[in-house]
Amino acid sequence: MAKTRVTFTIDPADAARLRRAAQRAGVTVSAYIESRVLASVEQDEAISAAFRDADAATAAAYAAADAAIWPEPEPLTAEDKAEADAVLERFFAKMQRSA
């Protein structure tokens, strides 16, 4: 089977711990890392698969709630826009004087 090199950097103390763990397991550091990492990946994939439908339902529920709570705003009328612009101008004018 073809292999691909993956490189990562860890603290020297952690590297020593890793070497000791591989030695206790009776395998090379590379085999130890491969075994542990792939077991973790398989666990993550199994958890994702088990909760995929629930996660999708939750996301859909949040989207529906957001749409109900925050409907698309109606465009501002020219009068509303002018009022908002005036309020912002007054606000920023006060900030410039106090700075």
PDB file of N, CA and C in Angstrom:
ATOM      1  N   MET A   1       0.854  -1.175   0.000  1.00  0.00           N
ATOM      2  CA  MET A   1       0.000   0.000   0.000  1.00  0.00           C
ATOM      3  C   MET A   1       0.900   1.238   0.000  1.00  0.00           C
ATOM      4  N   ALA A   2       0.569   2.192  -0.834  1.00  0.00           N
ATOM      5  CA  ALA A   2       1.339   3.438  -0.899  1.00  0.00           C
ATOM      6  C   ALA A   2       1.118   4.250   0.374  1.00  0.00           C
ATOM      7  N   LYS A   3       2.154   4.936   0.780  1.00  0.00           N
ATOM      8  CA  LYS A   3       2.085   5.760   1.990  1.00  0.00           C
ATOM      9  C   LYS A   3       2.367   7.208   1.625  1.00  0.00           C
ATOM     10  N   THR A   4       1.827   8.130   2.404  1.00  0.00           N
ATOM     11  CA  THR A   4       2.068   9.562   2.253  1.00  0.00           C
ATOM     12  C   THR A   4       2.639  10.078   3.555  1.00  0.00           C
ATOM     13  N   ARG A   5       3.642  10.920   3.434  1.00  0.00           N
ATOM     14  CA  ARG A   5       4.275  11.490   4.629  1.00  0.00           C
ATOM     15  C   ARG A   5       3.444  12.665   5.136  1.00  0.00           C
ATOM     16  N   VAL A   6       3.208  12.694   6.442  1.00  0.00           N
ATOM     17  CA  VAL A   6       2.540  13.802   7.117  1.00  0.00           C
ATOM     18  C   VAL A   6       3.487  14.268   8.214  1.00  0.00           C
ATOM     19  N   THR A   7       3.747  15.557   8.256  1.00  0.00           N
ATOM     20  CA  THR A   7       4.686  16.096   9.236  1.00  0.00           C
ATOM     21  C   THR A   7       3.951  16.992  10.214  1.00  0.00           C
ATOM     22  N   PHE A   8       4.310  16.907  11.484  1.00  0.00           N
ATOM     23  CA  PHE A   8       3.762  17.811  12.486  1.00  0.00           C
ATOM     24  C   PHE A   8       4.854  18.128  13.492  1.00  0.00           C
ATOM     25  N   THR A   9       4.677  19.194  14.213  1.00  0.00           N
ATOM     26  CA  THR A   9       5.676  19.648  15.169  1.00  0.00           C
ATOM     27  C   THR A   9       5.085  19.609  16.568  1.00  0.00           C
ATOM     28  N   ILE A  10       5.842  19.034  17.499  1.00  0.00           N
ATOM     29  CA  ILE A  10       5.394  18.989  18.892  1.00  0.00           C
ATOM     30  C   ILE A  10       6.554  19.377  19.807  1.00  0.00           C
ATOM     31  N   ASP A  11       6.223  19.651  21.012  1.00  0.00           N
ATOM     32  CA  ASP A  11       7.199  19.995  22.044  1.00  0.00           C
ATOM     33  C   ASP A  11       8.144  18.805  22.274  1.00  0.00           C
ATOM     34  N   PRO A  12       9.429  19.052  22.524  1.00  0.00           N
ATOM     35  CA  PRO A  12      10.371  17.946  22.765  1.00  0.00           C
ATOM     36  C   PRO A  12       9.935  17.000  23.887  1.00  0.00           C
ATOM     37  N   ALA A  13       9.361  17.529  24.942  1.00  0.00           N
ATOM     38  CA  ALA A  13       8.901  16.666  26.036  1.00  0.00           C
ATOM     39  C   ALA A  13       7.772  15.754  25.564  1.00  0.00           C
ATOM     40  N   ASP A  14       6.878  16.288  24.731  1.00  0.00           N
ATOM     41  CA  ASP A  14       5.792  15.460  24.199  1.00  0.00           C
ATOM     42  C   ASP A  14       6.335  14.414  23.231  1.00  0.00           C
ATOM     43  N   ALA A  15       7.380  14.772  22.479  1.00  0.00           N
ATOM     44  CA  ALA A  15       8.001  13.804  21.566  1.00  0.00           C
ATOM     45  C   ALA A  15       8.592  12.636  22.356  1.00  0.00           C
ATOM     46  N   ALA A  16       9.207  12.939  23.480  1.00  0.00           N
ATOM     47  CA  ALA A  16       9.767  11.877  24.325  1.00  0.00           C
ATOM     48  C   ALA A  16       8.656  10.984  24.872  1.00  0.00           C
ATOM     49  N   ARG A  17       7.567  11.586  25.307  1.00  0.00           N
ATOM     50  CA  ARG A  17       6.418  10.805  25.796  1.00  0.00           C
ATOM     51  C   ARG A  17       5.884   9.898  24.690  1.00  0.00           C
ATOM     52  N   LEU A  18       5.807  10.445  23.482  1.00  0.00           N
ATOM     53  CA  LEU A  18       5.309   9.690  22.335  1.00  0.00           C
ATOM     54  C   LEU A  18       6.224   8.498  22.038  1.00  0.00           C
ATOM     55  N   ARG A  19       7.518   8.715  22.076  1.00  0.00           N
ATOM     56  CA  ARG A  19       8.469   7.619  21.840  1.00  0.00           C
ATOM     57  C   ARG A  19       8.311   6.521  22.903  1.00  0.00           C
ATOM     58  N   ARG A  20       8.162   6.933  24.165  1.00  0.00           N
ATOM     59  CA  ARG A  20       7.985   5.947  25.240  1.00  0.00           C
ATOM     60  C   ARG A  20       6.682   5.158  25.059  1.00  0.00           C
ATOM     61  N   ALA A  21       5.621   5.849  24.674  1.00  0.00           N
ATOM     62  CA  ALA A  21       4.335   5.165  24.474  1.00  0.00           C
ATOM     63  C   ALA A  21       4.426   4.162  23.330  1.00  0.00           C
ATOM     64  N   ALA A  22       5.094   4.541  22.248  1.00  0.00           N
ATOM     65  CA  ALA A  22       5.261   3.626  21.117  1.00  0.00           C
ATOM     66  C   ALA A  22       6.095   2.416  21.535  1.00  0.00           C
ATOM     67  N   GLN A  23       7.140   2.670  22.307  1.00  0.00           N
ATOM     68  CA  GLN A  23       7.999   1.579  22.780  1.00  0.00           C
ATOM     69  C   GLN A  23       7.206   0.611  23.666  1.00  0.00           C
ATOM     70  N   ARG A  24       6.399   1.152  24.569  1.00  0.00           N
ATOM     71  CA  ARG A  24       5.566   0.294  25.433  1.00  0.00           C
ATOM     72  C   ARG A  24       4.599  -0.544  24.604  1.00  0.00           C
ATOM     73  N   ALA A  25       4.092   0.054  23.505  1.00  0.00           N
ATOM     74  CA  ALA A  25       3.153  -0.672  22.644  1.00  0.00           C
ATOM     75  C   ALA A  25       3.869  -1.650  21.717  1.00  0.00           C
ATOM     76  N   GLY A  26       5.212  -1.546  21.655  1.00  0.00           N
ATOM     77  CA  GLY A  26       5.977  -2.474  20.828  1.00  0.00           C
ATOM     78  C   GLY A  26       5.917  -2.168  19.344  1.00  0.00           C
ATOM     79  N   VAL A  27       5.693  -0.904  19.002  1.00  0.00           N
ATOM     80  CA  VAL A  27       5.616  -0.507  17.591  1.00  0.00           C
ATOM     81  C   VAL A  27       6.488   0.726  17.364  1.00  0.00           C
ATOM     82  N   THR A  28       6.667   1.060  16.095  1.00  0.00           N
ATOM     83  CA  THR A  28       7.419   2.272  15.781  1.00  0.00           C
ATOM     84  C   THR A  28       6.575   3.495  16.132  1.00  0.00           C
ATOM     85  N   VAL A  29       7.248   4.620  16.261  1.00  0.00           N
ATOM     86  CA  VAL A  29       6.529   5.872  16.535  1.00  0.00           C
ATOM     87  C   VAL A  29       5.527   6.140  15.417  1.00  0.00           C
ATOM     88  N   SER A  30       5.948   5.918  14.175  1.00  0.00           N
ATOM     89  CA  SER A  30       5.059   6.155  13.038  1.00  0.00           C
ATOM     90  C   SER A  30       3.814   5.269  13.114  1.00  0.00           C
ATOM     91  N   ALA A  31       4.007   3.975  13.399  1.00  0.00           N
ATOM     92  CA  ALA A  31       2.867   3.056  13.502  1.00  0.00           C
ATOM     93  C   ALA A  31       1.963   3.437  14.666  1.00  0.00           C
ATOM     94  N   TYR A  32       2.563   3.848  15.771  1.00  0.00           N
ATOM     95  CA  TYR A  32       1.783   4.249  16.943  1.00  0.00           C
ATOM     96  C   TYR A  32       0.918   5.463  16.619  1.00  0.00           C
ATOM     97  N   ILE A  33       1.534   6.472  16.017  1.00  0.00           N
ATOM     98  CA  ILE A  33       0.787   7.688  15.667  1.00  0.00           C
ATOM     99  C   ILE A  33      -0.320   7.362  14.678  1.00  0.00           C
ATOM    100  N   GLU A  34       0.013   6.579  13.647  1.00  0.00           N
ATOM    101  CA  GLU A  34      -0.991   6.224  12.642  1.00  0.00           C
ATOM    102  C   GLU A  34      -2.181   5.524  13.284  1.00  0.00           C
ATOM    103  N   SER A  35      -1.910   4.563  14.145  1.00  0.00           N
ATOM    104  CA  SER A  35      -2.980   3.813  14.802  1.00  0.00           C
ATOM    105  C   SER A  35      -3.865   4.716  15.647  1.00  0.00           C
ATOM    106  N   ARG A  36      -3.233   5.548  16.485  1.00  0.00           N
ATOM    107  CA  ARG A  36      -3.996   6.408  17.392  1.00  0.00           C
ATOM    108  C   ARG A  36      -4.782   7.471  16.637  1.00  0.00           C
ATOM    109  N   VAL A  37      -4.154   8.082  15.645  1.00  0.00           N
ATOM    110  CA  VAL A  37      -4.826   9.146  14.892  1.00  0.00           C
ATOM    111  C   VAL A  37      -5.998   8.577  14.098  1.00  0.00           C
ATOM    112  N   LEU A  38      -5.772   7.461  13.406  1.00  0.00           N
ATOM    113  CA  LEU A  38      -6.865   6.892  12.613  1.00  0.00           C
ATOM    114  C   LEU A  38      -8.007   6.397  13.497  1.00  0.00           C
ATOM    115  N   ALA A  39      -7.708   5.892  14.684  1.00  0.00           N
ATOM    116  CA  ALA A  39      -8.780   5.503  15.612  1.00  0.00           C
ATOM    117  C   ALA A  39      -9.596   6.726  16.010  1.00  0.00           C
ATOM    118  N   SER A  40      -8.919   7.838  16.241  1.00  0.00           N
ATOM    119  CA  SER A  40      -9.618   9.075  16.601  1.00  0.00           C
ATOM    120  C   SER A  40     -10.463   9.584  15.434  1.00  0.00           C
ATOM    121  N   VAL A  41      -9.908   9.509  14.225  1.00  0.00           N
ATOM    122  CA  VAL A  41     -10.654   9.939  13.035  1.00  0.00           C
ATOM    123  C   VAL A  41     -11.894   9.070  12.852  1.00  0.00           C
ATOM    124  N   GLU A  42     -11.744   7.762  13.004  1.00  0.00           N
ATOM    125  CA  GLU A  42     -12.895   6.855  12.876  1.00  0.00           C
ATOM    126  C   GLU A  42     -13.967   7.176  13.912  1.00  0.00           C
ATOM    127  N   GLN A  43     -13.553   7.480  15.128  1.00  0.00           N
ATOM    128  CA  GLN A  43     -14.515   7.842  16.172  1.00  0.00           C
ATOM    129  C   GLN A  43     -15.242   9.133  15.798  1.00  0.00           C
ATOM    130  N   ASP A  44     -14.505  10.139  15.335  1.00  0.00           N
ATOM    131  CA  ASP A  44     -15.127  11.401  14.918  1.00  0.00           C
ATOM    132  C   ASP A  44     -16.121  11.179  13.782  1.00  0.00           C
ATOM    133  N   GLU A  45     -15.728  10.342  12.809  1.00  0.00           N
ATOM    134  CA  GLU A  45     -16.622  10.060  11.683  1.00  0.00           C
ATOM    135  C   GLU A  45     -17.878   9.329  12.145  1.00  0.00           C
ATOM    136  N   ALA A  46     -17.732   8.392  13.067  1.00  0.00           N
ATOM    137  CA  ALA A  46     -18.892   7.652  13.579  1.00  0.00           C
ATOM    138  C   ALA A  46     -19.837   8.579  14.333  1.00  0.00           C
ATOM    139  N   ILE A  47     -19.275   9.475  15.130  1.00  0.00           N
ATOM    140  CA  ILE A  47     -20.108  10.434  15.865  1.00  0.00           C
ATOM    141  C   ILE A  47     -20.838  11.347  14.890  1.00  0.00           C
ATOM    142  N   SER A  48     -20.122  11.839  13.880  1.00  0.00           N
ATOM    143  CA  SER A  48     -20.753  12.710  12.877  1.00  0.00           C
ATOM    144  C   SER A  48     -21.885  11.987  12.158  1.00  0.00           C
ATOM    145  N   ALA A  49     -21.648  10.726  11.788  1.00  0.00           N
ATOM    146  CA  ALA A  49     -22.682   9.953  11.100  1.00  0.00           C
ATOM    147  C   ALA A  49     -23.890   9.718  12.004  1.00  0.00           C
ATOM    148  N   ALA A  50     -23.637   9.420  13.272  1.00  0.00           N
ATOM    149  CA  ALA A  50     -24.731   9.141  14.204  1.00  0.00           C
ATOM    150  C   ALA A  50     -25.611  10.361  14.433  1.00  0.00           C
ATOM    151  N   PHE A  51     -25.012  11.546  14.396  1.00  0.00           N
ATOM    152  CA  PHE A  51     -25.765  12.760  14.698  1.00  0.00           C
ATOM    153  C   PHE A  51     -26.088  13.602  13.467  1.00  0.00           C
ATOM    154  N   ARG A  52     -25.781  13.094  12.263  1.00  0.00           N
ATOM    155  CA  ARG A  52     -25.989  13.867  11.041  1.00  0.00           C
ATOM    156  C   ARG A  52     -27.433  14.357  10.914  1.00  0.00           C
ATOM    157  N   ASP A  53     -28.405  13.465  11.079  1.00  0.00           N
ATOM    158  CA  ASP A  53     -29.814  13.855  10.938  1.00  0.00           C
ATOM    159  C   ASP A  53     -30.222  14.858  12.013  1.00  0.00           C
ATOM    160  N   ALA A  54     -29.778  14.622  13.247  1.00  0.00           N
ATOM    161  CA  ALA A  54     -30.114  15.545  14.338  1.00  0.00           C
ATOM    162  C   ALA A  54     -29.479  16.908  14.099  1.00  0.00           C
ATOM    163  N   ASP A  55     -28.227  16.924  13.629  1.00  0.00           N
ATOM    164  CA  ASP A  55     -27.561  18.196  13.340  1.00  0.00           C
ATOM    165  C   ASP A  55     -28.277  18.952  12.228  1.00  0.00           C
ATOM    166  N   ALA A  56     -28.722  18.225  11.195  1.00  0.00           N
ATOM    167  CA  ALA A  56     -29.446  18.866  10.096  1.00  0.00           C
ATOM    168  C   ALA A  56     -30.781  19.425  10.589  1.00  0.00           C
ATOM    169  N   ALA A  57     -31.478  18.663  11.432  1.00  0.00           N
ATOM    170  CA  ALA A  57     -32.756  19.136  11.972  1.00  0.00           C
ATOM    171  C   ALA A  57     -32.556  20.359  12.856  1.00  0.00           C
ATOM    172  N   THR A  58     -31.498  20.356  13.649  1.00  0.00           N
ATOM    173  CA  THR A  58     -31.203  21.509  14.506  1.00  0.00           C
ATOM    174  C   THR A  58     -30.895  22.737  13.666  1.00  0.00           C
ATOM    175  N   ALA A  59     -30.075  22.561  12.633  1.00  0.00           N
ATOM    176  CA  ALA A  59     -29.737  23.686  11.755  1.00  0.00           C
ATOM    177  C   ALA A  59     -30.986  24.235  11.074  1.00  0.00           C
ATOM    178  N   ALA A  60     -31.873  23.344  10.632  1.00  0.00           N
ATOM    179  CA  ALA A  60     -33.112  23.787   9.989  1.00  0.00           C
ATOM    180  C   ALA A  60     -34.008  24.526  10.982  1.00  0.00           C
ATOM    181  N   ALA A  61     -34.063  24.046  12.217  1.00  0.00           N
ATOM    182  CA  ALA A  61     -34.882  24.709  13.237  1.00  0.00           C
ATOM    183  C   ALA A  61     -34.345  26.102  13.546  1.00  0.00           C
ATOM    184  N   TYR A  62     -33.030  26.222  13.665  1.00  0.00           N
ATOM    185  CA  TYR A  62     -32.439  27.543  13.907  1.00  0.00           C
ATOM    186  C   TYR A  62     -32.712  28.483  12.736  1.00  0.00           C
ATOM    187  N   ALA A  63     -32.594  27.973  11.521  1.00  0.00           N
ATOM    188  CA  ALA A  63     -32.852  28.806  10.346  1.00  0.00           C
ATOM    189  C   ALA A  63     -34.308  29.266  10.317  1.00  0.00           C
ATOM    190  N   ALA A  64     -35.231  28.363  10.644  1.00  0.00           N
ATOM    191  CA  ALA A  64     -36.650  28.728  10.665  1.00  0.00           C
ATOM    192  C   ALA A  64     -36.929  29.750  11.759  1.00  0.00           C
ATOM    193  N   ALA A  65     -36.310  29.569  12.921  1.00  0.00           N
ATOM    194  CA  ALA A  65     -36.506  30.521  14.019  1.00  0.00           C
ATOM    195  C   ALA A  65     -35.944  31.888  13.654  1.00  0.00           C
ATOM    196  N   ASP A  66     -34.755  31.905  13.053  1.00  0.00           N
ATOM    197  CA  ASP A  66     -34.170  33.181  12.639  1.00  0.00           C
ATOM    198  C   ASP A  66     -35.059  33.891  11.630  1.00  0.00           C
ATOM    199  N   ALA A  67     -35.620  33.133  10.693  1.00  0.00           N
ATOM    200  CA  ALA A  67     -36.485  33.740   9.682  1.00  0.00           C
ATOM    201  C   ALA A  67     -37.751  34.299  10.322  1.00  0.00           C
ATOM    202  N   ALA A  68     -38.265  33.614  11.350  1.00  0.00           N
ATOM    203  CA  ALA A  68     -39.483  34.079  12.010  1.00  0.00           C
ATOM    204  C   ALA A  68     -39.210  35.299  12.883  1.00  0.00           C
ATOM    205  N   ILE A  69     -38.048  35.294  13.547  1.00  0.00           N
ATOM    206  CA  ILE A  69     -37.720  36.391  14.455  1.00  0.00           C
ATOM    207  C   ILE A  69     -37.197  37.602  13.704  1.00  0.00           C
ATOM    208  N   TRP A  70     -36.392  37.355  12.706  1.00  0.00           N
ATOM    209  CA  TRP A  70     -35.746  38.438  11.958  1.00  0.00           C
ATOM    210  C   TRP A  70     -36.182  38.400  10.494  1.00  0.00           C
ATOM    211  N   PRO A  71     -37.417  38.778  10.208  1.00  0.00           N
ATOM    212  CA  PRO A  71     -37.860  38.760   8.815  1.00  0.00           C
ATOM    213  C   PRO A  71     -37.059  39.771   7.995  1.00  0.00           C
ATOM    214  N   GLU A  72     -37.076  39.560   6.705  1.00  0.00           N
ATOM    215  CA  GLU A  72     -36.387  40.490   5.813  1.00  0.00           C
ATOM    216  C   GLU A  72     -36.961  41.890   6.027  1.00  0.00           C
ATOM    217  N   PRO A  73     -36.097  42.864   6.242  1.00  0.00           N
ATOM    218  CA  PRO A  73     -36.603  44.221   6.467  1.00  0.00           C
ATOM    219  C   PRO A  73     -37.166  44.825   5.186  1.00  0.00           C
ATOM    220  N   GLU A  74     -38.158  45.668   5.383  1.00  0.00           N
ATOM    221  CA  GLU A  74     -38.704  46.385   4.232  1.00  0.00           C
ATOM    222  C   GLU A  74     -37.760  47.532   3.917  1.00  0.00           C
ATOM    223  N   PRO A  75     -37.663  47.912   2.649  1.00  0.00           N
ATOM    224  CA  PRO A  75     -36.774  49.016   2.302  1.00  0.00           C
ATOM    225  C   PRO A  75     -37.230  50.307   2.990  1.00  0.00           C
ATOM    226  N   LEU A  76     -36.255  51.144   3.364  1.00  0.00           N
ATOM    227  CA  LEU A  76     -36.587  52.427   3.988  1.00  0.00           C
ATOM    228  C   LEU A  76     -37.198  53.371   2.966  1.00  0.00           C
ATOM    229  N   THR A  77     -38.181  54.125   3.427  1.00  0.00           N
ATOM    230  CA  THR A  77     -38.712  55.185   2.569  1.00  0.00           C
ATOM    231  C   THR A  77     -37.682  56.306   2.545  1.00  0.00           C
ATOM    232  N   ALA A  78     -37.825  57.211   1.610  1.00  0.00           N
ATOM    233  CA  ALA A  78     -36.904  58.348   1.525  1.00  0.00           C
ATOM    234  C   ALA A  78     -36.961  59.162   2.819  1.00  0.00           C
ATOM    235  N   GLU A  79     -38.155  59.293   3.390  1.00  0.00           N
ATOM    236  CA  GLU A  79     -38.320  60.049   4.638  1.00  0.00           C
ATOM    237  C   GLU A  79     -37.599  59.352   5.795  1.00  0.00           C
ATOM    238  N   ASP A  80     -37.769  58.023   5.912  1.00  0.00           N
ATOM    239  CA  ASP A  80     -37.096  57.271   6.975  1.00  0.00           C
ATOM    240  C   ASP A  80     -35.581  57.338   6.821  1.00  0.00           C
ATOM    241  N   LYS A  81     -35.107  57.248   5.576  1.00  0.00           N
ATOM    242  CA  LYS A  81     -33.671  57.314   5.333  1.00  0.00           C
ATOM    243  C   LYS A  81     -33.128  58.682   5.728  1.00  0.00           C
ATOM    244  N   ALA A  82     -33.838  59.744   5.378  1.00  0.00           N
ATOM    245  CA  ALA A  82     -33.395  61.093   5.730  1.00  0.00           C
ATOM    246  C   ALA A  82     -33.357  61.262   7.247  1.00  0.00           C
ATOM    247  N   GLU A  83     -34.345  60.705   7.948  1.00  0.00           N
ATOM    248  CA  GLU A  83     -34.374  60.793   9.407  1.00  0.00           C
ATOM    249  C   GLU A  83     -33.185  60.045  10.017  1.00  0.00           C
ATOM    250  N   ALA A  84     -32.910  58.854   9.519  1.00  0.00           N
ATOM    251  CA  ALA A  84     -31.777  58.074  10.023  1.00  0.00           C
ATOM    252  C   ALA A  84     -30.459  58.794   9.747  1.00  0.00           C
ATOM    253  N   ASP A  85     -30.324  59.356   8.558  1.00  0.00           N
ATOM    254  CA  ASP A  85     -29.105  60.104   8.223  1.00  0.00           C
ATOM    255  C   ASP A  85     -28.908  61.284   9.164  1.00  0.00           C
ATOM    256  N   ALA A  86     -29.987  61.982   9.487  1.00  0.00           N
ATOM    257  CA  ALA A  86     -29.895  63.141  10.377  1.00  0.00           C
ATOM    258  C   ALA A  86     -29.468  62.711  11.781  1.00  0.00           C
ATOM    259  N   VAL A  87     -30.021  61.611  12.266  1.00  0.00           N
ATOM    260  CA  VAL A  87     -29.653  61.106  13.591  1.00  0.00           C
ATOM    261  C   VAL A  87     -28.173  60.726  13.610  1.00  0.00           C
ATOM    262  N   LEU A  88     -27.724  60.036  12.580  1.00  0.00           N
ATOM    263  CA  LEU A  88     -26.313  59.644  12.521  1.00  0.00           C
ATOM    264  C   LEU A  88     -25.391  60.855  12.429  1.00  0.00           C
ATOM    265  N   GLU A  89     -25.786  61.839  11.659  1.00  0.00           N
ATOM    266  CA  GLU A  89     -24.966  63.060  11.554  1.00  0.00           C
ATOM    267  C   GLU A  89     -24.835  63.739  12.914  1.00  0.00           C
ATOM    268  N   ARG A  90     -25.946  63.857  13.646  1.00  0.00           N
ATOM    269  CA  ARG A  90     -25.885  64.475  14.974  1.00  0.00           C
ATOM    270  C   ARG A  90     -25.003  63.656  15.919  1.00  0.00           C
ATOM    271  N   PHE A  91     -25.141  62.353  15.866  1.00  0.00           N
ATOM    272  CA  PHE A  91     -24.356  61.477  16.731  1.00  0.00           C
ATOM    273  C   PHE A  91     -22.866  61.634  16.461  1.00  0.00           C
ATOM    274  N   PHE A  92     -22.479  61.553  15.202  1.00  0.00           N
ATOM    275  CA  PHE A  92     -21.058  61.636  14.878  1.00  0.00           C
ATOM    276  C   PHE A  92     -20.509  63.041  15.069  1.00  0.00           C
ATOM    277  N   ALA A  93     -21.338  64.049  14.921  1.00  0.00           N
ATOM    278  CA  ALA A  93     -20.889  65.421  15.183  1.00  0.00           C
ATOM    279  C   ALA A  93     -20.547  65.571  16.665  1.00  0.00           C
ATOM    280  N   LYS A  94     -21.353  64.981  17.547  1.00  0.00           N
ATOM    281  CA  LYS A  94     -21.071  65.033  18.988  1.00  0.00           C
ATOM    282  C   LYS A  94     -19.783  64.285  19.315  1.00  0.00           C
ATOM    283  N   MET A  95     -19.544  63.182  18.653  1.00  0.00           N
ATOM    284  CA  MET A  95     -18.330  62.406  18.916  1.00  0.00           C
ATOM    285  C   MET A  95     -17.084  63.188  18.514  1.00  0.00           C
ATOM    286  N   GLN A  96     -17.151  63.914  17.407  1.00  0.00           N
ATOM    287  CA  GLN A  96     -15.986  64.673  16.947  1.00  0.00           C
ATOM    288  C   GLN A  96     -15.651  65.795  17.917  1.00  0.00           C
ATOM    289  N   ARG A  97     -16.659  66.424  18.480  1.00  0.00           N
ATOM    290  CA  ARG A  97     -16.412  67.520  19.427  1.00  0.00           C
ATOM    291  C   ARG A  97     -15.805  67.000  20.723  1.00  0.00           C
ATOM    292  N   SER A  98     -16.184  65.795  21.128  1.00  0.00           N
ATOM    293  CA  SER A  98     -15.714  65.284  22.415  1.00  0.00           C
ATOM    294  C   SER A  98     -14.345  64.614  22.310  1.00  0.00           C
ATOM    295  N   ALA A  99     -13.888  64.364  21.119  1.00  0.00           N
ATOM    296  CA  ALA A  99     -12.607  63.649  20.953  1.00  0.00           C
ATOM    297  C   ALA A  99     -11.411  64.543  21.116  1.00  0.00           C
TER     298      ALA A  99
END
